[in-house]
Amino acid sequence: MKFDVEYKTIENVAGPLVVVGKVGNAQYNEIVRIKLQNGEERLGQVLDTSTTNAVVQVFGPTEGINVDKTSVSFLGETFKIGVSDDMLGRVFDGQGRPRDGGSDIASEEKRDINGAPINPVARMNPSDFIETGISSIDGLDTLVRGQKLPIFSASGLPHNQVVAQITRQANVKGSNEAFAVVFAGIGITYDDYTYFINEFRKTGALKRTVAFINLADDPSIERIITPRLALTTAEFLAFEKGMHVLVILDDMTNYAEALRELSSAREEVPGRRGYPGYMYTDFASIYERAGIVKGKKGSITQLDVVTMPSDDVTHPIPDLTGYITEGQIFLSRELVNKGIYPPIQPLGSLSRLMGNGIGEGKTRADHRGVSDQLYGLYAKAQEAKSLSAIVGAEALSESDRRYLKFGDDFENRFLKQGFHERRTIEETLNLGWELLSQVPETELTRVKKEFITKYYKKPQNNKAD
């Protein structure tokens, strides 16, 4: 068989790729072992085959690969990871090897990391609320179990802190079922890596977390497999162990850059801004592995960090992500400059599955009305702010000045929240009613009368200060 044979027929080395000649029957995604002249071994994966040649991507640097003295063995299987619930509390590198100094995992089984999107026929509709403890998410852009919801960020914005806070605080409200987090750091800096692990350890979140870390100075091609290792682990914990798993992929922009590098090395015809034309389907193969499967107890929910190059939401990476996923959480540089954390901009954010996870028996019956009314009043506050910049605050009507005050209070009391401050959904909705009670009752057009009667507190003075 071919995996008993060492081929010394390397024809070319181009970036992360090695072309091996005179190979018959090599299979797509097959794993190969590359043995260097000095005895060092590296792994690779078959990307393309012909009748005689195989193109192999190397999981590591290609420096030192001598075309005459390096041998390649085809192993006859795809890339697999050994999985076990003993992985909880452990940190691995981007190839699934222990990074925390611990021993290798005694795996219960080995799984192909490529997996498959959930069959639409077997997919259940997400409908259970996940409480993150952050008001701007829980109250306005609710995360639902089984949803895929990206965080659109940009350079210099605190998406790492937001991710760490969600990891520490998230749970399925009203459920005692096991909850786990699988974190994939894709091309992150060493400082970010130490920040995440220290936060997870300090807060105790590491006990329910499996972390896969690909650092910025690790081979970029390794970023292609890191999220797949995380998702394969999540599928095992969710669908075999019955756990509700939150998968955090940080940062999908680094993944896309690795995809573009690989495409360039293969000399493929580039698509938008040099990214491969198949990037949409490649993204879908990752994002569509979130969800709930009929007959299975667990679930997989995804939060995917996307750092928008040049703050451009129309860039191919956030653009394609938005098509596949179910909304977005949008971080605002303007809010950061105002000193507001977390800087989640409600008017740029959306959770398309929010309606499935809120209401009586899930959050509270008034949730939808409170959310819609806060959105509406904050939008009017932004309009009043724009008008004030043109005509001056003195020229504004009493109503516009009231909206301005509401907007300031909304940002500083509802959106602004401490990094270690966890609010229940009841606290979030009650805070929303405190803000709504600042405006005349007649302007609450998006809340049912029965909820106004129950929660509205008539203000002493409706005029702006």
Protein backbone atom coordinates (compact mmCIF):
# COMPACT_ATOMS: atom_id res chain seq x y z
CA MET A 1 0.00 0.00 0.00
CA LYS A 2 1.20 3.54 -0.69
CA PHE A 3 1.55 4.50 2.99
CA ASP A 4 4.22 1.83 3.33
CA VAL A 5 6.28 3.69 0.72
CA GLU A 6 8.46 6.76 1.25
CA TYR A 7 8.45 8.97 -1.81
CA LYS A 8 11.56 11.01 -2.52
CA THR A 9 10.01 12.64 -5.56
CA ILE A 10 9.38 16.21 -4.41
CA GLU A 11 9.30 18.36 -7.53
CA ASN A 12 8.68 21.81 -6.12
CA VAL A 13 8.21 23.80 -2.89
CA ALA A 14 6.05 26.94 -3.16
CA GLY A 15 5.17 28.76 0.04
CA PRO A 16 3.27 26.30 2.26
CA LEU A 17 2.86 23.80 -0.60
CA VAL A 18 4.93 20.82 -1.68
CA VAL A 19 4.37 19.10 -5.03
CA VAL A 20 5.15 15.37 -4.94
CA GLY A 21 5.57 13.57 -8.25
CA LYS A 22 5.05 9.97 -9.33
CA VAL A 23 2.29 9.32 -6.78
CA GLY A 24 -0.68 7.17 -7.67
CA ASN A 25 -4.08 7.15 -5.96
CA ALA A 26 -3.44 9.97 -3.49
CA GLN A 27 -6.74 11.10 -1.96
CA TYR A 28 -8.02 14.62 -1.32
CA ASN A 29 -7.53 15.62 2.37
CA GLU A 30 -5.27 12.62 2.97
CA ILE A 31 -2.64 13.18 5.67
CA VAL A 32 1.04 12.81 4.79
CA ARG A 33 4.17 12.58 6.89
CA ILE A 34 7.14 14.62 5.68
CA LYS A 35 10.54 13.46 6.95
CA LEU A 36 13.42 15.90 6.60
CA GLN A 37 17.07 15.06 6.09
CA ASN A 38 17.82 15.73 9.79
CA GLY A 39 15.10 13.32 10.95
CA GLU A 40 12.53 16.02 11.80
CA GLU A 41 8.96 15.12 10.86
CA ARG A 42 6.11 17.38 9.81
CA LEU A 43 2.54 16.68 8.83
CA GLY A 44 0.78 17.79 5.69
CA GLN A 45 -2.51 17.33 3.88
CA VAL A 46 -3.28 16.58 0.24
CA LEU A 47 -4.97 19.55 -1.43
CA ASP A 48 -5.01 18.45 -5.04
CA THR A 49 -4.22 15.35 -7.04
CA SER A 50 -3.69 14.27 -10.63
CA THR A 51 -2.85 10.93 -12.15
CA THR A 52 0.79 11.24 -11.09
CA ASN A 53 1.21 14.25 -8.77
CA ALA A 54 -0.09 15.36 -5.37
CA VAL A 55 -0.10 18.90 -3.99
CA VAL A 56 0.45 18.88 -0.23
CA GLN A 57 -0.07 21.74 2.23
CA VAL A 58 2.44 21.54 5.07
CA PHE A 59 1.30 22.19 8.64
CA GLY A 60 4.44 24.05 9.56
CA PRO A 61 7.28 25.89 7.85
CA THR A 62 8.62 24.59 4.57
CA GLU A 63 12.13 25.84 5.30
CA GLY A 64 14.63 22.99 5.34
CA ILE A 65 12.70 20.80 2.92
CA ASN A 66 15.29 19.54 0.46
CA VAL A 67 13.67 18.35 -2.77
CA ASP A 68 16.27 15.60 -3.16
CA LYS A 69 16.61 14.32 0.42
CA THR A 70 13.16 14.81 1.99
CA SER A 71 10.78 11.85 1.96
CA VAL A 72 6.98 11.88 1.97
CA SER A 73 4.71 9.08 3.21
CA PHE A 74 0.96 9.02 2.47
CA LEU A 75 -0.89 7.73 5.54
CA GLY A 76 -4.15 6.68 3.91
CA GLU A 77 -6.43 8.66 6.28
CA THR A 78 -7.74 12.17 6.80
CA PHE A 79 -6.75 14.52 9.65
CA LYS A 80 -8.40 13.27 12.83
CA ILE A 81 -8.47 14.38 16.43
CA GLY A 82 -8.93 12.17 19.48
CA VAL A 83 -11.85 13.48 21.53
CA SER A 84 -12.90 12.99 25.14
CA ASP A 85 -14.69 14.95 27.85
CA ASP A 86 -11.30 15.00 29.59
CA MET A 87 -10.44 17.78 27.14
CA LEU A 88 -12.41 20.23 29.31
CA GLY A 89 -10.01 22.46 31.20
CA ARG A 90 -7.19 21.86 28.70
CA VAL A 91 -5.32 24.06 26.22
CA PHE A 92 -4.12 22.69 22.86
CA ASP A 93 -2.21 24.15 19.94
CA GLY A 94 -3.54 24.63 16.42
CA GLN A 95 -2.87 20.96 15.56
CA GLY A 96 -4.57 19.56 18.66
CA ARG A 97 -1.40 18.87 20.66
CA PRO A 98 -1.28 19.86 24.38
CA ARG A 99 0.03 23.40 24.83
CA ASP A 100 -0.51 23.60 28.60
CA GLY A 101 2.23 21.15 29.57
CA GLY A 102 -0.28 18.42 30.41
CA SER A 103 -0.26 14.86 29.15
CA ASP A 104 -1.87 13.65 25.95
CA ILE A 105 -5.60 12.98 26.14
CA ALA A 106 -6.75 9.37 26.36
CA SER A 107 -9.31 9.73 23.62
CA GLU A 108 -12.63 7.89 23.51
CA GLU A 109 -12.65 8.01 19.71
CA LYS A 110 -10.98 9.73 16.78
CA ARG A 111 -12.97 12.00 14.49
CA ASP A 112 -12.36 13.51 11.07
CA ILE A 113 -11.96 17.25 11.65
CA ASN A 114 -13.65 18.14 8.35
CA GLY A 115 -17.02 17.00 9.66
CA ALA A 116 -20.09 18.14 7.77
CA PRO A 117 -22.74 20.84 8.00
CA ILE A 118 -25.85 19.74 9.86
CA ASN A 119 -28.42 18.18 7.52
CA PRO A 120 -31.28 20.71 7.15
CA VAL A 121 -33.80 17.89 7.60
CA ALA A 122 -32.25 16.99 10.97
CA ARG A 123 -31.83 20.60 12.10
CA MET A 124 -34.17 21.92 14.80
CA ASN A 125 -35.24 25.56 15.06
CA PRO A 126 -33.22 27.38 17.78
CA SER A 127 -35.55 28.65 20.50
CA ASP A 128 -33.79 28.73 23.90
CA PHE A 129 -32.36 31.93 25.36
CA ILE A 130 -28.65 32.08 26.27
CA GLU A 131 -28.02 34.65 28.99
CA THR A 132 -24.66 36.35 28.48
CA GLY A 133 -25.13 38.79 31.37
CA ILE A 134 -24.51 41.74 29.01
CA SER A 135 -27.55 44.02 28.69
CA SER A 136 -26.88 45.20 25.14
CA ILE A 137 -26.85 41.56 23.95
CA ASP A 138 -29.49 39.99 26.18
CA GLY A 139 -31.93 42.88 25.95
CA LEU A 140 -31.52 44.01 22.35
CA ASP A 141 -29.71 41.35 20.30
CA THR A 142 -30.53 38.16 22.12
CA LEU A 143 -28.33 35.11 21.58
CA VAL A 144 -30.30 31.90 21.07
CA ARG A 145 -29.03 28.36 21.65
CA GLY A 146 -27.99 26.89 18.29
CA GLN A 147 -27.48 30.28 16.64
CA LYS A 148 -24.40 31.52 14.78
CA LEU A 149 -23.85 35.19 15.63
CA PRO A 150 -20.66 37.01 14.57
CA ILE A 151 -19.05 39.92 16.42
CA PHE A 152 -18.05 42.58 13.88
CA SER A 153 -15.09 44.42 15.34
CA ALA A 154 -12.06 46.37 14.12
CA SER A 155 -8.45 46.98 15.06
CA GLY A 156 -8.11 48.47 18.52
CA LEU A 157 -11.63 47.61 19.68
CA PRO A 158 -12.08 45.45 22.82
CA HIS A 159 -13.55 42.33 21.21
CA ASN A 160 -11.22 40.14 23.27
CA GLN A 161 -12.63 41.55 26.50
CA VAL A 162 -16.20 41.07 25.26
CA VAL A 163 -15.42 37.47 24.29
CA ALA A 164 -13.76 36.78 27.65
CA GLN A 165 -16.75 38.24 29.51
CA ILE A 166 -19.23 36.15 27.52
CA THR A 167 -17.12 33.03 28.09
CA ARG A 168 -17.15 33.65 31.82
CA GLN A 169 -20.83 34.57 32.17
CA ALA A 170 -22.83 32.69 29.54
CA ASN A 171 -25.36 30.01 30.47
CA VAL A 172 -28.66 28.60 29.26
CA LYS A 173 -31.21 30.35 31.46
CA GLY A 174 -33.47 28.12 33.54
CA SER A 175 -31.48 25.01 32.74
CA ASN A 176 -29.24 22.85 34.90
CA GLU A 177 -27.86 21.04 31.86
CA ALA A 178 -24.11 20.93 31.30
CA PHE A 179 -22.68 23.98 29.52
CA ALA A 180 -19.23 24.15 27.91
CA VAL A 181 -17.16 26.60 25.89
CA VAL A 182 -14.81 25.66 23.05
CA PHE A 183 -12.48 28.54 22.24
CA ALA A 184 -10.37 28.71 19.06
CA GLY A 185 -7.74 31.43 18.92
CA ILE A 186 -6.85 31.78 15.22
CA GLY A 187 -3.67 33.72 14.56
CA ILE A 188 -3.86 35.63 17.85
CA THR A 189 -0.87 37.32 19.50
CA TYR A 190 0.92 35.81 22.46
CA ASP A 191 -0.35 38.68 24.63
CA ASP A 192 -3.94 37.88 23.63
CA TYR A 193 -3.31 34.19 24.33
CA THR A 194 -2.00 34.85 27.85
CA TYR A 195 -4.86 37.30 28.45
CA PHE A 196 -7.53 34.72 27.56
CA ILE A 197 -5.98 31.84 29.48
CA ASN A 198 -5.33 33.98 32.57
CA GLU A 199 -8.92 35.27 32.47
CA PHE A 200 -10.30 31.75 32.06
CA ARG A 201 -8.19 30.46 34.96
CA LYS A 202 -8.80 33.42 37.25
CA THR A 203 -12.57 33.24 36.90
CA GLY A 204 -12.85 29.45 36.92
CA ALA A 205 -14.19 29.40 33.36
CA LEU A 206 -11.30 27.21 32.21
CA LYS A 207 -12.85 24.19 33.98
CA ARG A 208 -15.65 24.13 31.40
CA THR A 209 -13.52 25.33 28.47
CA VAL A 210 -11.50 23.60 25.76
CA ALA A 211 -9.04 26.00 24.08
CA PHE A 212 -7.23 25.59 20.76
CA ILE A 213 -4.57 28.26 20.23
CA ASN A 214 -2.86 29.11 16.94
CA LEU A 215 -0.50 32.02 17.59
CA ALA A 216 0.40 34.75 15.12
CA ASP A 217 3.93 33.32 14.74
CA ASP A 218 2.66 29.76 14.23
CA PRO A 219 2.39 28.54 10.63
CA SER A 220 -0.42 30.44 8.95
CA ILE A 221 -1.59 27.30 7.15
CA GLU A 222 -2.35 25.82 10.59
CA ARG A 223 -5.18 28.38 10.82
CA ILE A 224 -7.12 26.37 8.26
CA ILE A 225 -7.50 23.43 10.64
CA THR A 226 -7.74 25.21 14.02
CA PRO A 227 -11.47 26.10 13.80
CA ARG A 228 -12.23 22.60 12.50
CA LEU A 229 -10.49 21.04 15.50
CA ALA A 230 -12.64 23.22 17.75
CA LEU A 231 -15.88 22.37 15.96
CA THR A 232 -15.14 18.64 15.92
CA THR A 233 -14.56 18.76 19.67
CA ALA A 234 -17.76 20.76 20.13
CA GLU A 235 -19.77 18.23 18.10
CA PHE A 236 -18.52 15.41 20.32
CA LEU A 237 -19.36 17.27 23.55
CA ALA A 238 -22.76 18.38 22.24
CA PHE A 239 -24.10 15.38 20.37
CA GLU A 240 -22.37 12.55 22.24
CA LYS A 241 -22.13 13.99 25.76
CA GLY A 242 -25.35 16.03 25.68
CA MET A 243 -23.74 19.38 26.54
CA HIS A 244 -24.75 22.85 25.37
CA VAL A 245 -21.57 24.17 23.76
CA LEU A 246 -20.67 27.76 22.93
CA VAL A 247 -17.97 27.86 20.24
CA ILE A 248 -15.95 31.09 19.97
CA LEU A 249 -13.79 31.52 16.85
CA ASP A 250 -11.40 34.46 17.20
CA ASP A 251 -10.47 35.75 14.60
CA MET A 252 -12.07 34.64 11.31
CA THR A 253 -10.24 37.43 9.47
CA ASN A 254 -6.94 35.66 10.20
CA TYR A 255 -8.51 32.46 8.91
CA ALA A 256 -9.51 34.21 5.67
CA GLU A 257 -6.00 35.62 5.24
CA ALA A 258 -4.56 32.11 5.54
CA LEU A 259 -7.11 30.94 2.96
CA ARG A 260 -5.99 33.70 0.60
CA GLU A 261 -2.32 32.80 1.14
CA LEU A 262 -3.04 29.18 0.31
CA SER A 263 -5.03 30.13 -2.77
CA SER A 264 -2.21 32.35 -3.98
CA ALA A 265 0.34 29.57 -3.50
CA ARG A 266 -1.86 27.32 -5.64
CA GLU A 267 -1.94 30.07 -8.30
CA GLU A 268 -5.74 30.11 -8.37
CA VAL A 269 -7.64 32.88 -10.11
CA PRO A 270 -8.41 35.39 -7.33
CA GLY A 271 -11.89 36.72 -6.53
CA ARG A 272 -12.84 39.90 -4.67
CA ARG A 273 -9.76 41.69 -3.27
CA GLY A 274 -7.60 38.65 -3.92
CA TYR A 275 -9.60 36.21 -1.80
CA PRO A 276 -10.50 32.87 -3.41
CA GLY A 277 -13.83 32.65 -5.17
CA TYR A 278 -14.82 29.68 -2.99
CA MET A 279 -14.41 31.62 0.28
CA TYR A 280 -18.21 31.78 0.73
CA THR A 281 -18.61 28.00 0.60
CA ASP A 282 -15.52 27.53 2.77
CA PHE A 283 -16.99 29.88 5.40
CA ALA A 284 -20.30 28.01 5.18
CA SER A 285 -18.53 24.71 5.90
CA ILE A 286 -17.53 26.22 9.27
CA TYR A 287 -20.55 28.35 10.19
CA GLU A 288 -23.13 25.71 9.27
CA ARG A 289 -21.72 23.29 11.85
CA ALA A 290 -23.65 25.20 14.53
CA GLY A 291 -27.17 24.22 15.50
CA ILE A 292 -29.43 21.69 17.19
CA VAL A 293 -29.98 18.17 15.86
CA LYS A 294 -33.27 16.30 16.24
CA GLY A 295 -32.99 13.48 18.74
CA LYS A 296 -29.79 14.87 20.28
CA LYS A 297 -29.73 16.46 23.71
CA GLY A 298 -26.94 19.00 23.20
CA SER A 299 -26.44 22.00 20.95
CA ILE A 300 -23.71 24.12 19.34
CA THR A 301 -23.88 27.91 19.35
CA GLN A 302 -21.25 30.00 17.55
CA LEU A 303 -19.83 33.45 18.27
CA ASP A 304 -17.38 34.33 15.51
CA VAL A 305 -15.11 37.36 15.84
CA VAL A 306 -14.58 39.17 12.53
CA THR A 307 -12.10 42.05 12.56
CA MET A 308 -13.16 44.29 9.67
CA PRO A 309 -10.14 45.52 7.68
CA SER A 310 -10.09 49.34 7.67
CA ASP A 311 -13.41 49.31 9.60
CA ASP A 312 -15.10 48.39 6.29
CA VAL A 313 -18.30 46.40 6.81
CA THR A 314 -18.54 45.87 3.03
CA HIS A 315 -15.19 44.04 2.97
CA PRO A 316 -15.59 40.46 1.64
CA ILE A 317 -14.93 38.84 5.04
CA PRO A 318 -17.74 40.53 7.05
CA ASP A 319 -19.91 40.73 3.93
CA LEU A 320 -19.87 36.97 3.27
CA THR A 321 -20.11 36.21 6.99
CA GLY A 322 -23.27 38.29 7.19
CA TYR A 323 -24.90 36.28 4.41
CA ILE A 324 -24.33 32.95 6.17
CA THR A 325 -24.87 33.83 9.82
CA GLU A 326 -27.97 35.00 11.67
CA GLY A 327 -27.21 38.63 12.46
CA GLN A 328 -24.23 40.43 13.96
CA ILE A 329 -23.02 42.20 17.09
CA PHE A 330 -21.40 45.44 15.95
CA LEU A 331 -18.69 47.09 18.05
CA SER A 332 -18.50 50.88 17.68
CA ARG A 333 -15.35 52.98 17.71
CA GLU A 334 -17.48 56.02 18.57
CA LEU A 335 -18.71 54.36 21.77
CA VAL A 336 -15.14 53.40 22.68
CA ASN A 337 -14.11 57.03 22.32
CA LYS A 338 -16.92 57.95 24.75
CA GLY A 339 -15.50 55.51 27.31
CA ILE A 340 -18.40 53.07 27.00
CA TYR A 341 -17.77 49.35 27.51
CA PRO A 342 -18.93 47.07 26.00
CA PRO A 343 -19.08 49.31 22.90
CA ILE A 344 -21.96 47.42 21.25
CA GLN A 345 -23.84 49.73 18.88
CA PRO A 346 -27.52 48.69 18.90
CA LEU A 347 -28.34 50.40 15.61
CA GLY A 348 -25.68 48.36 13.80
CA SER A 349 -26.47 45.08 15.52
CA LEU A 350 -29.10 42.46 14.82
CA SER A 351 -30.10 39.00 16.02
CA ARG A 352 -32.38 37.41 13.42
CA LEU A 353 -33.38 34.61 15.80
CA MET A 354 -34.11 36.86 18.77
CA GLY A 355 -37.87 36.39 18.40
CA ASN A 356 -37.45 32.63 18.88
CA GLY A 357 -35.74 32.93 22.24
CA ILE A 358 -37.62 35.64 24.11
CA GLY A 359 -41.06 36.12 25.63
CA GLU A 360 -43.17 34.46 28.30
CA GLY A 361 -41.51 31.39 29.77
CA LYS A 362 -38.14 32.19 28.16
CA THR A 363 -37.19 35.71 29.24
CA ARG A 364 -40.22 37.86 30.09
CA ALA A 365 -43.45 38.70 28.29
CA ASP A 366 -42.54 42.39 27.88
CA HIS A 367 -39.11 41.70 26.36
CA ARG A 368 -39.99 42.33 22.70
CA GLY A 369 -41.82 45.57 23.43
CA VAL A 370 -39.06 46.94 25.66
CA SER A 371 -36.41 46.09 23.04
CA ASP A 372 -38.34 47.68 20.16
CA GLN A 373 -39.13 50.80 22.19
CA LEU A 374 -35.52 51.29 23.32
CA TYR A 375 -34.38 50.90 19.71
CA GLY A 376 -36.93 53.45 18.51
CA LEU A 377 -36.12 56.08 21.13
CA TYR A 378 -32.36 55.65 20.68
CA ALA A 379 -32.76 56.09 16.92
CA LYS A 380 -34.63 59.36 17.56
CA ALA A 381 -31.85 60.41 19.94
CA GLN A 382 -29.31 59.89 17.15
CA GLU A 383 -31.45 61.99 14.78
CA ALA A 384 -31.68 64.75 17.39
CA LYS A 385 -27.91 64.58 17.87
CA SER A 386 -27.33 65.02 14.14
CA LEU A 387 -29.76 67.95 14.05
CA SER A 388 -28.06 69.53 17.06
CA ALA A 389 -24.73 69.42 15.25
CA ILE A 390 -26.27 71.53 12.48
CA VAL A 391 -28.54 74.03 14.25
CA GLY A 392 -27.17 73.92 17.81
CA ALA A 393 -28.72 72.48 20.95
CA GLU A 394 -30.50 75.76 21.76
CA ALA A 395 -32.55 75.57 18.57
CA LEU A 396 -33.89 72.08 19.34
CA SER A 397 -37.47 71.51 20.38
CA GLU A 398 -38.31 70.32 23.87
CA SER A 399 -39.03 66.88 22.45
CA ASP A 400 -35.64 66.71 20.70
CA ARG A 401 -33.83 67.78 23.88
CA ARG A 402 -35.64 65.02 25.73
CA TYR A 403 -34.46 62.49 23.14
CA LEU A 404 -30.90 63.75 23.51
CA LYS A 405 -31.03 63.20 27.26
CA PHE A 406 -32.55 59.77 26.75
CA GLY A 407 -29.72 58.86 24.34
CA ASP A 408 -27.05 59.90 26.85
CA ASP A 409 -28.74 58.00 29.69
CA PHE A 410 -29.24 54.95 27.48
CA GLU A 411 -25.54 54.83 26.57
CA ASN A 412 -24.25 55.49 30.09
CA ARG A 413 -26.69 53.33 32.03
CA PHE A 414 -27.91 50.57 29.70
CA LEU A 415 -25.06 50.03 27.23
CA LYS A 416 -22.26 50.83 29.67
CA GLN A 417 -21.48 47.94 31.96
CA GLY A 418 -18.53 46.79 34.02
CA PHE A 419 -16.30 44.02 32.77
CA HIS A 420 -17.10 42.00 35.89
CA GLU A 421 -20.72 43.12 36.09
CA ARG A 422 -23.22 40.40 35.29
CA ARG A 423 -26.85 41.42 34.83
CA THR A 424 -29.71 38.96 34.73
CA ILE A 425 -32.32 39.43 32.02
CA GLU A 426 -34.75 40.66 34.68
CA GLU A 427 -32.26 43.34 35.76
CA THR A 428 -31.74 44.32 32.12
CA LEU A 429 -35.46 44.67 31.41
CA ASN A 430 -36.09 46.57 34.66
CA LEU A 431 -33.29 48.97 33.73
CA GLY A 432 -34.94 49.39 30.33
CA TRP A 433 -38.20 50.39 32.04
CA GLU A 434 -36.37 52.93 34.20
CA LEU A 435 -35.18 54.59 31.00
CA LEU A 436 -38.56 54.33 29.28
CA SER A 437 -40.15 56.00 32.28
CA GLN A 438 -38.19 59.17 31.43
CA VAL A 439 -40.38 59.84 28.38
CA PRO A 440 -44.12 60.60 28.26
CA GLU A 441 -46.31 57.54 28.31
CA THR A 442 -47.92 58.65 25.04
CA GLU A 443 -44.63 58.08 23.19
CA LEU A 444 -44.39 54.41 24.19
CA THR A 445 -46.07 53.20 21.01
CA ARG A 446 -44.24 49.87 20.74
CA VAL A 447 -45.13 48.45 24.14
CA LYS A 448 -48.45 46.85 25.00
CA LYS A 449 -50.69 48.84 27.34
CA GLU A 450 -50.75 46.03 29.89
CA PHE A 451 -46.97 46.21 30.29
CA ILE A 452 -47.00 50.00 30.56
CA THR A 453 -49.56 49.68 33.36
CA LYS A 454 -47.39 47.11 35.13
CA TYR A 455 -43.88 48.54 34.74
CA TYR A 456 -44.06 52.23 33.78
CA LYS A 457 -43.25 54.74 36.52
CA LYS A 458 -44.60 58.20 35.79
CA PRO A 459 -41.76 60.74 35.83
CA GLN A 460 -41.92 63.78 38.06
CA ASN A 461 -41.02 66.01 35.12
CA ASN A 462 -40.98 65.11 31.43
CA LYS A 463 -38.89 68.12 30.47
CA ALA A 464 -35.24 67.73 29.73
CA ASP A 465 -32.88 69.09 32.33
